[in-house]
Each structure stands twice: as C-alpha cells, then as structure tokens.
PDB file of all heavy atoms in Angstrom:
ATOM      1  N   ALA A   1     -19.582  17.132  70.990  1.00  0.00           N
ATOM      2  CA  ALA A   1     -18.789  18.029  70.144  1.00  0.00           C
ATOM      3  C   ALA A   1     -19.334  18.127  68.719  1.00  0.00           C
ATOM      4  O   ALA A   1     -19.354  19.233  68.089  1.00  0.00           O
ATOM      5  CB  ALA A   1     -17.350  17.425  70.007  1.00  0.00           C
ATOM      6  N   ASP A   2     -19.943  17.023  68.185  1.00  0.00           N
ATOM      7  CA  ASP A   2     -20.506  17.070  66.805  1.00  0.00           C
ATOM      8  C   ASP A   2     -21.750  18.021  66.799  1.00  0.00           C
ATOM      9  O   ASP A   2     -21.935  18.712  65.821  1.00  0.00           O
ATOM     10  CB  ASP A   2     -20.943  15.670  66.381  1.00  0.00           C
ATOM     11  CG  ASP A   2     -19.743  14.773  66.002  1.00  0.00           C
ATOM     12  OD1 ASP A   2     -18.635  15.311  65.901  1.00  0.00           O
ATOM     13  OD2 ASP A   2     -19.947  13.591  65.893  1.00  0.00           O
ATOM     14  N   ARG A   3     -22.427  18.047  67.849  1.00  0.00           N
ATOM     15  CA  ARG A   3     -23.591  18.933  67.909  1.00  0.00           C
ATOM     16  C   ARG A   3     -23.140  20.412  68.023  1.00  0.00           C
ATOM     17  O   ARG A   3     -23.812  21.242  67.378  1.00  0.00           O
ATOM     18  CB  ARG A   3     -24.501  18.545  69.164  1.00  0.00           C
ATOM     19  CG  ARG A   3     -25.894  19.086  69.024  1.00  0.00           C
ATOM     20  CD  ARG A   3     -26.748  18.583  70.219  1.00  0.00           C
ATOM     21  NE  ARG A   3     -28.061  19.114  70.155  1.00  0.00           N
ATOM     22  CZ  ARG A   3     -28.970  19.100  71.122  1.00  0.00           C
ATOM     23  NH1 ARG A   3     -28.571  18.543  72.276  1.00  0.00           N
ATOM     24  NH2 ARG A   3     -30.095  19.558  71.046  1.00  0.00           N
ATOM     25  N   VAL A   4     -22.111  20.634  68.771  1.00  0.00           N
ATOM     26  CA  VAL A   4     -21.557  21.994  68.793  1.00  0.00           C
ATOM     27  C   VAL A   4     -21.166  22.450  67.376  1.00  0.00           C
ATOM     28  O   VAL A   4     -21.428  23.479  66.959  1.00  0.00           O
ATOM     29  CB  VAL A   4     -20.305  22.052  69.739  1.00  0.00           C
ATOM     30  CG1 VAL A   4     -19.582  23.336  69.580  1.00  0.00           C
ATOM     31  CG2 VAL A   4     -20.797  21.821  71.186  1.00  0.00           C
ATOM     32  N   LYS A   5     -20.474  21.570  66.684  1.00  0.00           N
ATOM     33  CA  LYS A   5     -20.059  21.883  65.318  1.00  0.00           C
ATOM     34  C   LYS A   5     -21.187  22.132  64.395  1.00  0.00           C
ATOM     35  O   LYS A   5     -21.138  23.029  63.491  1.00  0.00           O
ATOM     36  CB  LYS A   5     -19.183  20.733  64.770  1.00  0.00           C
ATOM     37  CG  LYS A   5     -17.864  20.648  65.455  1.00  0.00           C
ATOM     38  CD  LYS A   5     -16.944  19.547  64.823  1.00  0.00           C
ATOM     39  CE  LYS A   5     -15.599  19.406  65.509  1.00  0.00           C
ATOM     40  NZ  LYS A   5     -14.768  18.359  64.932  1.00  0.00           N
ATOM     41  N   GLY A   6     -22.253  21.385  64.581  1.00  0.00           N
ATOM     42  CA  GLY A   6     -23.433  21.560  63.809  1.00  0.00           C
ATOM     43  C   GLY A   6     -24.127  22.885  63.954  1.00  0.00           C
ATOM     44  O   GLY A   6     -24.546  23.544  63.046  1.00  0.00           O
ATOM     45  N   ILE A   7     -24.253  23.278  65.205  1.00  0.00           N
ATOM     46  CA  ILE A   7     -24.833  24.574  65.565  1.00  0.00           C
ATOM     47  C   ILE A   7     -24.012  25.641  65.052  1.00  0.00           C
ATOM     48  O   ILE A   7     -24.471  26.682  64.486  1.00  0.00           O
ATOM     49  CB  ILE A   7     -25.026  24.746  67.128  1.00  0.00           C
ATOM     50  CG1 ILE A   7     -26.044  23.692  67.656  1.00  0.00           C
ATOM     51  CG2 ILE A   7     -25.518  26.165  67.464  1.00  0.00           C
ATOM     52  CD1 ILE A   7     -26.076  23.539  69.153  1.00  0.00           C
ATOM     53  N   ALA A   8     -22.639  25.517  65.243  1.00  0.00           N
ATOM     54  CA  ALA A   8     -21.792  26.602  64.732  1.00  0.00           C
ATOM     55  C   ALA A   8     -21.866  26.712  63.284  1.00  0.00           C
ATOM     56  O   ALA A   8     -21.781  27.851  62.659  1.00  0.00           O
ATOM     57  CB  ALA A   8     -20.325  26.266  65.136  1.00  0.00           C
ATOM     58  N   ALA A   9     -21.952  25.527  62.496  1.00  0.00           N
ATOM     59  CA  ALA A   9     -22.107  25.622  61.052  1.00  0.00           C
ATOM     60  C   ALA A   9     -23.352  26.256  60.644  1.00  0.00           C
ATOM     61  O   ALA A   9     -23.329  27.052  59.640  1.00  0.00           O
ATOM     62  CB  ALA A   9     -21.995  24.156  60.501  1.00  0.00           C
ATOM     63  N   ASP A  10     -24.464  25.974  61.337  1.00  0.00           N
ATOM     64  CA  ASP A  10     -25.761  26.634  60.982  1.00  0.00           C
ATOM     65  C   ASP A  10     -25.642  28.158  61.251  1.00  0.00           C
ATOM     66  O   ASP A  10     -26.192  28.950  60.434  1.00  0.00           O
ATOM     67  CB  ASP A  10     -26.865  25.982  61.821  1.00  0.00           C
ATOM     68  CG  ASP A  10     -27.230  24.610  61.346  1.00  0.00           C
ATOM     69  OD1 ASP A  10     -26.917  24.240  60.235  1.00  0.00           O
ATOM     70  OD2 ASP A  10     -27.841  23.942  62.187  1.00  0.00           O
ATOM     71  N   PHE A  11     -25.037  28.425  62.351  1.00  0.00           N
ATOM     72  CA  PHE A  11     -24.963  29.894  62.713  1.00  0.00           C
ATOM     73  C   PHE A  11     -24.143  30.598  61.582  1.00  0.00           C
ATOM     74  O   PHE A  11     -24.566  31.668  61.116  1.00  0.00           O
ATOM     75  CB  PHE A  11     -24.149  30.048  64.083  1.00  0.00           C
ATOM     76  CG  PHE A  11     -23.604  31.451  64.286  1.00  0.00           C
ATOM     77  CD1 PHE A  11     -24.444  32.469  64.777  1.00  0.00           C
ATOM     78  CD2 PHE A  11     -22.326  31.770  63.988  1.00  0.00           C
ATOM     79  CE1 PHE A  11     -23.971  33.715  65.001  1.00  0.00           C
ATOM     80  CE2 PHE A  11     -21.792  33.002  64.186  1.00  0.00           C
ATOM     81  CZ  PHE A  11     -22.693  34.048  64.685  1.00  0.00           C
ATOM     82  N   GLN A  12     -23.020  30.071  61.184  1.00  0.00           N
ATOM     83  CA  GLN A  12     -22.152  30.697  60.164  1.00  0.00           C
ATOM     84  C   GLN A  12     -22.939  30.823  58.840  1.00  0.00           C
ATOM     85  O   GLN A  12     -22.837  31.896  58.237  1.00  0.00           O
ATOM     86  CB  GLN A  12     -20.878  29.848  59.961  1.00  0.00           C
ATOM     87  CG  GLN A  12     -19.946  29.779  61.159  1.00  0.00           C
ATOM     88  CD  GLN A  12     -19.232  31.149  61.410  1.00  0.00           C
ATOM     89  OE1 GLN A  12     -19.437  32.128  60.756  1.00  0.00           O
ATOM     90  NE2 GLN A  12     -18.343  31.143  62.437  1.00  0.00           N
ATOM     91  N   GLN A  13     -23.678  29.840  58.478  1.00  0.00           N
ATOM     92  CA  GLN A  13     -24.409  29.908  57.242  1.00  0.00           C
ATOM     93  C   GLN A  13     -25.442  31.046  57.256  1.00  0.00           C
ATOM     94  O   GLN A  13     -25.578  31.822  56.312  1.00  0.00           O
ATOM     95  CB  GLN A  13     -25.136  28.550  56.982  1.00  0.00           C
ATOM     96  CG  GLN A  13     -25.891  28.531  55.670  1.00  0.00           C
ATOM     97  CD  GLN A  13     -26.505  27.184  55.439  1.00  0.00           C
ATOM     98  OE1 GLN A  13     -26.819  26.405  56.355  1.00  0.00           O
ATOM     99  NE2 GLN A  13     -26.858  26.913  54.167  1.00  0.00           N
ATOM    100  N   ILE A  14     -26.133  31.199  58.357  1.00  0.00           N
ATOM    101  CA  ILE A  14     -27.107  32.212  58.507  1.00  0.00           C
ATOM    102  C   ILE A  14     -26.487  33.616  58.632  1.00  0.00           C
ATOM    103  O   ILE A  14     -26.949  34.546  57.920  1.00  0.00           O
ATOM    104  CB  ILE A  14     -28.064  31.985  59.799  1.00  0.00           C
ATOM    105  CG1 ILE A  14     -28.783  30.659  59.645  1.00  0.00           C
ATOM    106  CG2 ILE A  14     -29.001  33.149  60.002  1.00  0.00           C
ATOM    107  CD1 ILE A  14     -29.401  30.127  60.933  1.00  0.00           C
ATOM    108  N   TYR A  15     -25.402  33.669  59.394  1.00  0.00           N
ATOM    109  CA  TYR A  15     -24.755  34.977  59.563  1.00  0.00           C
ATOM    110  C   TYR A  15     -24.157  35.456  58.298  1.00  0.00           C
ATOM    111  O   TYR A  15     -24.271  36.662  57.905  1.00  0.00           O
ATOM    112  CB  TYR A  15     -23.686  34.852  60.613  1.00  0.00           C
ATOM    113  CG  TYR A  15     -23.087  36.141  60.999  1.00  0.00           C
ATOM    114  CD1 TYR A  15     -23.723  37.038  61.884  1.00  0.00           C
ATOM    115  CD2 TYR A  15     -21.867  36.589  60.547  1.00  0.00           C
ATOM    116  CE1 TYR A  15     -23.188  38.259  62.229  1.00  0.00           C
ATOM    117  CE2 TYR A  15     -21.304  37.773  60.872  1.00  0.00           C
ATOM    118  CZ  TYR A  15     -21.991  38.658  61.717  1.00  0.00           C
ATOM    119  OH  TYR A  15     -21.425  39.861  62.020  1.00  0.00           O
ATOM    120  N   ARG A  16     -23.467  34.613  57.554  1.00  0.00           N
ATOM    121  CA  ARG A  16     -22.896  34.958  56.289  1.00  0.00           C
ATOM    122  C   ARG A  16     -23.891  35.292  55.193  1.00  0.00           C
ATOM    123  O   ARG A  16     -23.544  36.117  54.320  1.00  0.00           O
ATOM    124  CB  ARG A  16     -21.916  33.868  55.872  1.00  0.00           C
ATOM    125  CG  ARG A  16     -20.737  33.726  56.787  1.00  0.00           C
ATOM    126  CD  ARG A  16     -19.893  32.469  56.476  1.00  0.00           C
ATOM    127  NE  ARG A  16     -18.714  32.393  57.398  1.00  0.00           N
ATOM    128  CZ  ARG A  16     -17.878  31.385  57.465  1.00  0.00           C
ATOM    129  NH1 ARG A  16     -18.102  30.403  56.612  1.00  0.00           N
ATOM    130  NH2 ARG A  16     -16.875  31.389  58.242  1.00  0.00           N
ATOM    131  N   ALA A  17     -25.112  34.732  55.273  1.00  0.00           N
ATOM    132  CA  ALA A  17     -26.116  35.014  54.248  1.00  0.00           C
ATOM    133  C   ALA A  17     -26.837  36.341  54.535  1.00  0.00           C
ATOM    134  O   ALA A  17     -27.159  37.084  53.635  1.00  0.00           O
ATOM    135  CB  ALA A  17     -27.073  33.861  54.152  1.00  0.00           C
ATOM    136  N   LYS A  18     -27.097  36.605  55.818  1.00  0.00           N
ATOM    137  CA  LYS A  18     -27.922  37.758  56.158  1.00  0.00           C
ATOM    138  C   LYS A  18     -27.487  38.485  57.421  1.00  0.00           C
ATOM    139  O   LYS A  18     -27.571  39.663  57.500  1.00  0.00           O
ATOM    140  CB  LYS A  18     -29.352  37.307  56.320  1.00  0.00           C
ATOM    141  CG  LYS A  18     -30.392  38.421  56.623  1.00  0.00           C
ATOM    142  CD  LYS A  18     -31.792  37.845  56.682  1.00  0.00           C
ATOM    143  CE  LYS A  18     -32.775  38.989  57.073  1.00  0.00           C
ATOM    144  NZ  LYS A  18     -34.148  38.507  57.084  1.00  0.00           N
ATOM    145  N   GLY A  19     -27.061  37.701  58.466  1.00  0.00           N
ATOM    146  CA  GLY A  19     -26.862  38.315  59.722  1.00  0.00           C
ATOM    147  C   GLY A  19     -25.837  39.436  59.746  1.00  0.00           C
ATOM    148  O   GLY A  19     -26.041  40.419  60.510  1.00  0.00           O
ATOM    149  N   TYR A  20     -24.786  39.322  58.977  1.00  0.00           N
ATOM    150  CA  TYR A  20     -23.736  40.396  59.013  1.00  0.00           C
ATOM    151  C   TYR A  20     -24.272  41.700  58.542  1.00  0.00           C
ATOM    152  O   TYR A  20     -23.727  42.755  59.024  1.00  0.00           O
ATOM    153  CB  TYR A  20     -22.483  39.940  58.181  1.00  0.00           C
ATOM    154  CG  TYR A  20     -22.660  40.133  56.714  1.00  0.00           C
ATOM    155  CD1 TYR A  20     -22.183  41.272  56.089  1.00  0.00           C
ATOM    156  CD2 TYR A  20     -23.334  39.170  55.909  1.00  0.00           C
ATOM    157  CE1 TYR A  20     -22.333  41.433  54.717  1.00  0.00           C
ATOM    158  CE2 TYR A  20     -23.488  39.363  54.567  1.00  0.00           C
ATOM    159  CZ  TYR A  20     -22.935  40.522  53.937  1.00  0.00           C
ATOM    160  OH  TYR A  20     -23.136  40.680  52.583  1.00  0.00           O
ATOM    161  N   GLU A  21     -25.238  41.714  57.759  1.00  0.00           N
ATOM    162  CA  GLU A  21     -25.891  42.957  57.288  1.00  0.00           C
ATOM    163  C   GLU A  21     -26.655  43.726  58.313  1.00  0.00           C
ATOM    164  O   GLU A  21     -26.980  44.926  58.214  1.00  0.00           O
ATOM    165  CB  GLU A  21     -26.767  42.751  56.041  1.00  0.00           C
ATOM    166  CG  GLU A  21     -26.044  42.100  54.866  1.00  0.00           C
ATOM    167  CD  GLU A  21     -26.970  41.845  53.665  1.00  0.00           C
ATOM    168  OE1 GLU A  21     -28.190  41.873  53.950  1.00  0.00           O
ATOM    169  OE2 GLU A  21     -26.467  41.627  52.602  1.00  0.00           O
ATOM    170  N   MET A  22     -26.953  43.044  59.437  1.00  0.00           N
ATOM    171  CA  MET A  22     -27.784  43.594  60.501  1.00  0.00           C
ATOM    172  C   MET A  22     -26.967  44.523  61.491  1.00  0.00           C
ATOM    173  O   MET A  22     -27.548  45.168  62.268  1.00  0.00           O
ATOM    174  CB  MET A  22     -28.491  42.549  61.291  1.00  0.00           C
ATOM    175  CG  MET A  22     -29.489  41.758  60.467  1.00  0.00           C
ATOM    176  SD  MET A  22     -30.299  40.518  61.423  1.00  0.00           S
ATOM    177  CE  MET A  22     -31.426  39.837  60.214  1.00  0.00           C
ATOM    178  N   GLY A  23     -25.643  44.452  61.315  1.00  0.00           N
ATOM    179  CA  GLY A  23     -24.866  45.252  62.204  1.00  0.00           C
ATOM    180  C   GLY A  23     -24.803  46.690  61.768  1.00  0.00           C
ATOM    181  O   GLY A  23     -25.463  47.114  60.843  1.00  0.00           O
ATOM    182  N   GLN A  24     -24.067  47.482  62.502  1.00  0.00           N
ATOM    183  CA  GLN A  24     -23.903  48.899  62.206  1.00  0.00           C
ATOM    184  C   GLN A  24     -22.560  49.425  62.690  1.00  0.00           C
ATOM    185  O   GLN A  24     -22.061  48.922  63.692  1.00  0.00           O
ATOM    186  CB  GLN A  24     -25.018  49.762  62.788  1.00  0.00           C
ATOM    187  CG  GLN A  24     -25.153  49.651  64.270  1.00  0.00           C
ATOM    188  CD  GLN A  24     -26.354  50.489  64.892  1.00  0.00           C
ATOM    189  OE1 GLN A  24     -26.985  51.219  64.100  1.00  0.00           O
ATOM    190  NE2 GLN A  24     -26.608  50.334  66.069  1.00  0.00           N
ATOM    191  N   LEU A  25     -22.035  50.352  61.952  1.00  0.00           N
ATOM    192  CA  LEU A  25     -20.777  50.946  62.383  1.00  0.00           C
ATOM    193  C   LEU A  25     -20.971  51.744  63.684  1.00  0.00           C
ATOM    194  O   LEU A  25     -21.988  52.368  63.883  1.00  0.00           O
ATOM    195  CB  LEU A  25     -20.204  51.901  61.309  1.00  0.00           C
ATOM    196  CG  LEU A  25     -19.747  51.318  60.011  1.00  0.00           C
ATOM    197  CD1 LEU A  25     -19.387  52.379  59.007  1.00  0.00           C
ATOM    198  CD2 LEU A  25     -18.499  50.426  60.246  1.00  0.00           C
ATOM    199  N   TYR A  26     -19.957  51.708  64.529  1.00  0.00           N
ATOM    200  CA  TYR A  26     -19.989  52.578  65.726  1.00  0.00           C
ATOM    201  C   TYR A  26     -19.877  53.960  65.232  1.00  0.00           C
ATOM    202  O   TYR A  26     -19.352  54.264  64.115  1.00  0.00           O
ATOM    203  CB  TYR A  26     -18.891  52.177  66.654  1.00  0.00           C
ATOM    204  CG  TYR A  26     -19.145  50.953  67.423  1.00  0.00           C
ATOM    205  CD1 TYR A  26     -18.504  49.730  67.140  1.00  0.00           C
ATOM    206  CD2 TYR A  26     -20.131  50.936  68.419  1.00  0.00           C
ATOM    207  CE1 TYR A  26     -18.776  48.599  67.907  1.00  0.00           C
ATOM    208  CE2 TYR A  26     -20.396  49.771  69.206  1.00  0.00           C
ATOM    209  CZ  TYR A  26     -19.719  48.632  68.917  1.00  0.00           C
ATOM    210  OH  TYR A  26     -20.068  47.440  69.612  1.00  0.00           O
ATOM    211  N   PRO A  27     -20.335  54.941  66.014  1.00  0.00           N
ATOM    212  CA  PRO A  27     -20.345  56.399  65.624  1.00  0.00           C
ATOM    213  C   PRO A  27     -19.023  56.881  65.135  1.00  0.00           C
ATOM    214  O   PRO A  27     -18.012  56.661  65.793  1.00  0.00           O
ATOM    215  CB  PRO A  27     -20.848  57.071  66.849  1.00  0.00           C
ATOM    216  CG  PRO A  27     -21.653  56.057  67.559  1.00  0.00           C
ATOM    217  CD  PRO A  27     -20.976  54.742  67.360  1.00  0.00           C
ATOM    218  N   GLN A  28     -19.010  57.503  63.961  1.00  0.00           N
ATOM    219  CA  GLN A  28     -17.927  58.291  63.426  1.00  0.00           C
ATOM    220  C   GLN A  28     -16.765  57.425  62.972  1.00  0.00           C
ATOM    221  O   GLN A  28     -15.631  57.928  62.754  1.00  0.00           O
ATOM    222  CB  GLN A  28     -17.439  59.365  64.391  1.00  0.00           C
ATOM    223  CG  GLN A  28     -18.548  60.390  64.657  1.00  0.00           C
ATOM    224  CD  GLN A  28     -18.116  61.486  65.551  1.00  0.00           C
ATOM    225  OE1 GLN A  28     -17.894  61.188  66.774  1.00  0.00           O
ATOM    226  NE2 GLN A  28     -17.992  62.705  65.128  1.00  0.00           N
ATOM    227  N   ILE A  29     -16.977  56.111  62.921  1.00  0.00           N
ATOM    228  CA  ILE A  29     -15.858  55.214  62.543  1.00  0.00           C
ATOM    229  C   ILE A  29     -15.166  55.649  61.107  1.00  0.00           C
ATOM    230  O   ILE A  29     -13.948  55.738  61.072  1.00  0.00           O
ATOM    231  CB  ILE A  29     -16.352  53.710  62.490  1.00  0.00           C
ATOM    232  CG1 ILE A  29     -16.408  53.228  63.942  1.00  0.00           C
ATOM    233  CG2 ILE A  29     -15.327  52.849  61.639  1.00  0.00           C
ATOM    234  CD1 ILE A  29     -15.060  53.003  64.630  1.00  0.00           C
ATOM    235  N   PRO A  30     -15.885  55.830  60.116  1.00  0.00           N
ATOM    236  CA  PRO A  30     -15.226  56.285  58.870  1.00  0.00           C
ATOM    237  C   PRO A  30     -14.426  57.586  59.003  1.00  0.00           C
ATOM    238  O   PRO A  30     -13.324  57.608  58.502  1.00  0.00           O
ATOM    239  CB  PRO A  30     -16.431  56.489  57.873  1.00  0.00           C
ATOM    240  CG  PRO A  30     -17.518  55.637  58.413  1.00  0.00           C
ATOM    241  CD  PRO A  30     -17.422  55.725  59.860  1.00  0.00           C
ATOM    242  N   ASP A  31     -14.939  58.544  59.788  1.00  0.00           N
ATOM    243  CA  ASP A  31     -14.170  59.734  59.980  1.00  0.00           C
ATOM    244  C   ASP A  31     -12.907  59.504  60.763  1.00  0.00           C
ATOM    245  O   ASP A  31     -11.819  60.041  60.547  1.00  0.00           O
ATOM    246  CB  ASP A  31     -15.018  60.763  60.711  1.00  0.00           C
ATOM    247  CG  ASP A  31     -16.153  61.329  59.859  1.00  0.00           C
ATOM    248  OD1 ASP A  31     -16.101  61.177  58.611  1.00  0.00           O
ATOM    249  OD2 ASP A  31     -17.149  61.785  60.402  1.00  0.00           O
ATOM    250  N   VAL A  32     -12.985  58.622  61.749  1.00  0.00           N
ATOM    251  CA  VAL A  32     -11.916  58.265  62.614  1.00  0.00           C
ATOM    252  C   VAL A  32     -10.772  57.527  61.820  1.00  0.00           C
ATOM    253  O   VAL A  32      -9.623  57.917  61.851  1.00  0.00           O
ATOM    254  CB  VAL A  32     -12.280  57.385  63.847  1.00  0.00           C
ATOM    255  CG1 VAL A  32     -11.076  56.703  64.519  1.00  0.00           C
ATOM    256  CG2 VAL A  32     -13.102  58.243  64.797  1.00  0.00           C
ATOM    257  N   LEU A  33     -11.191  56.621  60.984  1.00  0.00           N
ATOM    258  CA  LEU A  33     -10.217  55.763  60.129  1.00  0.00           C
ATOM    259  C   LEU A  33      -9.556  56.761  59.118  1.00  0.00           C
ATOM    260  O   LEU A  33      -8.364  56.676  58.887  1.00  0.00           O
ATOM    261  CB  LEU A  33     -10.922  54.672  59.474  1.00  0.00           C
ATOM    262  CG  LEU A  33     -11.488  53.609  60.382  1.00  0.00           C
ATOM    263  CD1 LEU A  33     -12.208  52.536  59.585  1.00  0.00           C
ATOM    264  CD2 LEU A  33     -10.432  52.919  61.244  1.00  0.00           C
ATOM    265  N   SER A  34     -10.379  57.592  58.515  1.00  0.00           N
ATOM    266  CA  SER A  34      -9.825  58.480  57.553  1.00  0.00           C
ATOM    267  C   SER A  34      -8.783  59.452  58.146  1.00  0.00           C
ATOM    268  O   SER A  34      -7.678  59.697  57.561  1.00  0.00           O
ATOM    269  CB  SER A  34     -10.938  59.395  56.929  1.00  0.00           C
ATOM    270  OG  SER A  34     -10.468  60.302  56.039  1.00  0.00           O
ATOM    271  N   ALA A  35      -9.069  59.956  59.354  1.00  0.00           N
ATOM    272  CA  ALA A  35      -8.071  60.848  60.036  1.00  0.00           C
ATOM    273  C   ALA A  35      -6.829  60.066  60.472  1.00  0.00           C
ATOM    274  O   ALA A  35      -5.690  60.590  60.283  1.00  0.00           O
ATOM    275  CB  ALA A  35      -8.731  61.485  61.226  1.00  0.00           C
ATOM    276  N   LEU A  36      -6.970  58.835  60.918  1.00  0.00           N
ATOM    277  CA  LEU A  36      -5.850  58.038  61.395  1.00  0.00           C
ATOM    278  C   LEU A  36      -4.887  57.728  60.235  1.00  0.00           C
ATOM    279  O   LEU A  36      -3.658  57.605  60.428  1.00  0.00           O
ATOM    280  CB  LEU A  36      -6.282  56.744  62.002  1.00  0.00           C
ATOM    281  CG  LEU A  36      -6.872  56.872  63.408  1.00  0.00           C
ATOM    282  CD1 LEU A  36      -7.391  55.501  63.882  1.00  0.00           C
ATOM    283  CD2 LEU A  36      -5.778  57.374  64.416  1.00  0.00           C
ATOM    284  N   GLN A  37      -5.412  57.583  59.071  1.00  0.00           N
ATOM    285  CA  GLN A  37      -4.584  57.203  57.847  1.00  0.00           C
ATOM    286  C   GLN A  37      -3.491  58.168  57.613  1.00  0.00           C
ATOM    287  O   GLN A  37      -2.444  57.838  56.984  1.00  0.00           O
ATOM    288  CB  GLN A  37      -5.431  57.091  56.624  1.00  0.00           C
ATOM    289  CG  GLN A  37      -6.123  55.748  56.462  1.00  0.00           C
ATOM    290  CD  GLN A  37      -6.781  55.660  55.092  1.00  0.00           C
ATOM    291  OE1 GLN A  37      -7.446  56.532  54.593  1.00  0.00           O
ATOM    292  NE2 GLN A  37      -6.643  54.517  54.430  1.00  0.00           N
ATOM    293  N   SER A  38      -3.606  59.408  58.019  1.00  0.00           N
ATOM    294  CA  SER A  38      -2.538  60.424  57.785  1.00  0.00           C
ATOM    295  C   SER A  38      -1.339  60.148  58.631  1.00  0.00           C
ATOM    296  O   SER A  38      -0.268  60.648  58.297  1.00  0.00           O
ATOM    297  CB  SER A  38      -3.061  61.839  58.110  1.00  0.00           C
ATOM    298  OG  SER A  38      -3.367  61.990  59.541  1.00  0.00           O
ATOM    299  N   LYS A  39      -1.415  59.281  59.685  1.00  0.00           N
ATOM    300  CA  LYS A  39      -0.287  59.084  60.572  1.00  0.00           C
ATOM    301  C   LYS A  39      -0.048  57.611  60.831  1.00  0.00           C
ATOM    302  O   LYS A  39       1.026  57.237  61.280  1.00  0.00           O
ATOM    303  CB  LYS A  39      -0.596  59.821  61.903  1.00  0.00           C
ATOM    304  CG  LYS A  39       0.578  59.918  62.863  1.00  0.00           C
ATOM    305  CD  LYS A  39       0.351  60.875  63.968  1.00  0.00           C
ATOM    306  CE  LYS A  39       1.571  60.959  64.878  1.00  0.00           C
ATOM    307  NZ  LYS A  39       1.393  61.927  65.979  1.00  0.00           N
ATOM    308  N   TRP A  40      -0.995  56.767  60.577  1.00  0.00           N
ATOM    309  CA  TRP A  40      -0.930  55.345  60.965  1.00  0.00           C
ATOM    310  C   TRP A  40      -1.268  54.439  59.775  1.00  0.00           C
ATOM    311  O   TRP A  40      -2.181  54.754  59.010  1.00  0.00           O
ATOM    312  CB  TRP A  40      -1.880  54.953  62.138  1.00  0.00           C
ATOM    313  CG  TRP A  40      -1.541  55.676  63.409  1.00  0.00           C
ATOM    314  CD1 TRP A  40      -1.820  56.997  63.709  1.00  0.00           C
ATOM    315  CD2 TRP A  40      -0.913  55.127  64.583  1.00  0.00           C
ATOM    316  NE1 TRP A  40      -1.419  57.266  65.012  1.00  0.00           N
ATOM    317  CE2 TRP A  40      -0.786  56.109  65.468  1.00  0.00           C
ATOM    318  CE3 TRP A  40      -0.420  53.878  64.873  1.00  0.00           C
ATOM    319  CZ2 TRP A  40      -0.228  55.958  66.759  1.00  0.00           C
ATOM    320  CZ3 TRP A  40       0.157  53.621  66.071  1.00  0.00           C
ATOM    321  CH2 TRP A  40       0.255  54.661  67.008  1.00  0.00           C
ATOM    322  N   GLU A  41      -0.591  53.299  59.689  1.00  0.00           N
ATOM    323  CA  GLU A  41      -0.984  52.290  58.737  1.00  0.00           C
ATOM    324  C   GLU A  41      -1.995  51.397  59.546  1.00  0.00           C
ATOM    325  O   GLU A  41      -1.699  50.974  60.646  1.00  0.00           O
ATOM    326  CB  GLU A  41       0.188  51.401  58.363  1.00  0.00           C
ATOM    327  CG  GLU A  41       0.981  52.043  57.239  1.00  0.00           C
ATOM    328  CD  GLU A  41       2.047  51.140  56.654  1.00  0.00           C
ATOM    329  OE1 GLU A  41       2.107  49.969  57.115  1.00  0.00           O
ATOM    330  OE2 GLU A  41       2.662  51.578  55.725  1.00  0.00           O
TER     331      GLU A  41
END
C-alpha cells in the first residue's frame, strides 16, 4: 500500500506540473457549453 501511495504521489506531482497541459478539449466543447448555458445551469 505504501508503494501504491508513493507512485500515486509521484504521478500527481508530474501531472499537476506538466501533464494536465498535454490534454485537449473534445471537439466543439466551448460552443456546446456556451449554447447550453441559455437553458441549463
């Protein structure tokens, strides 16, 4: 369990520093959210 926690901690550190920036929005997400705001919270 301690080793699992260590790997998870290393993963989080790397992901929060750089990894999250490597993602990308799915197609047309901003347009979809903008349109939904007129009817949904």
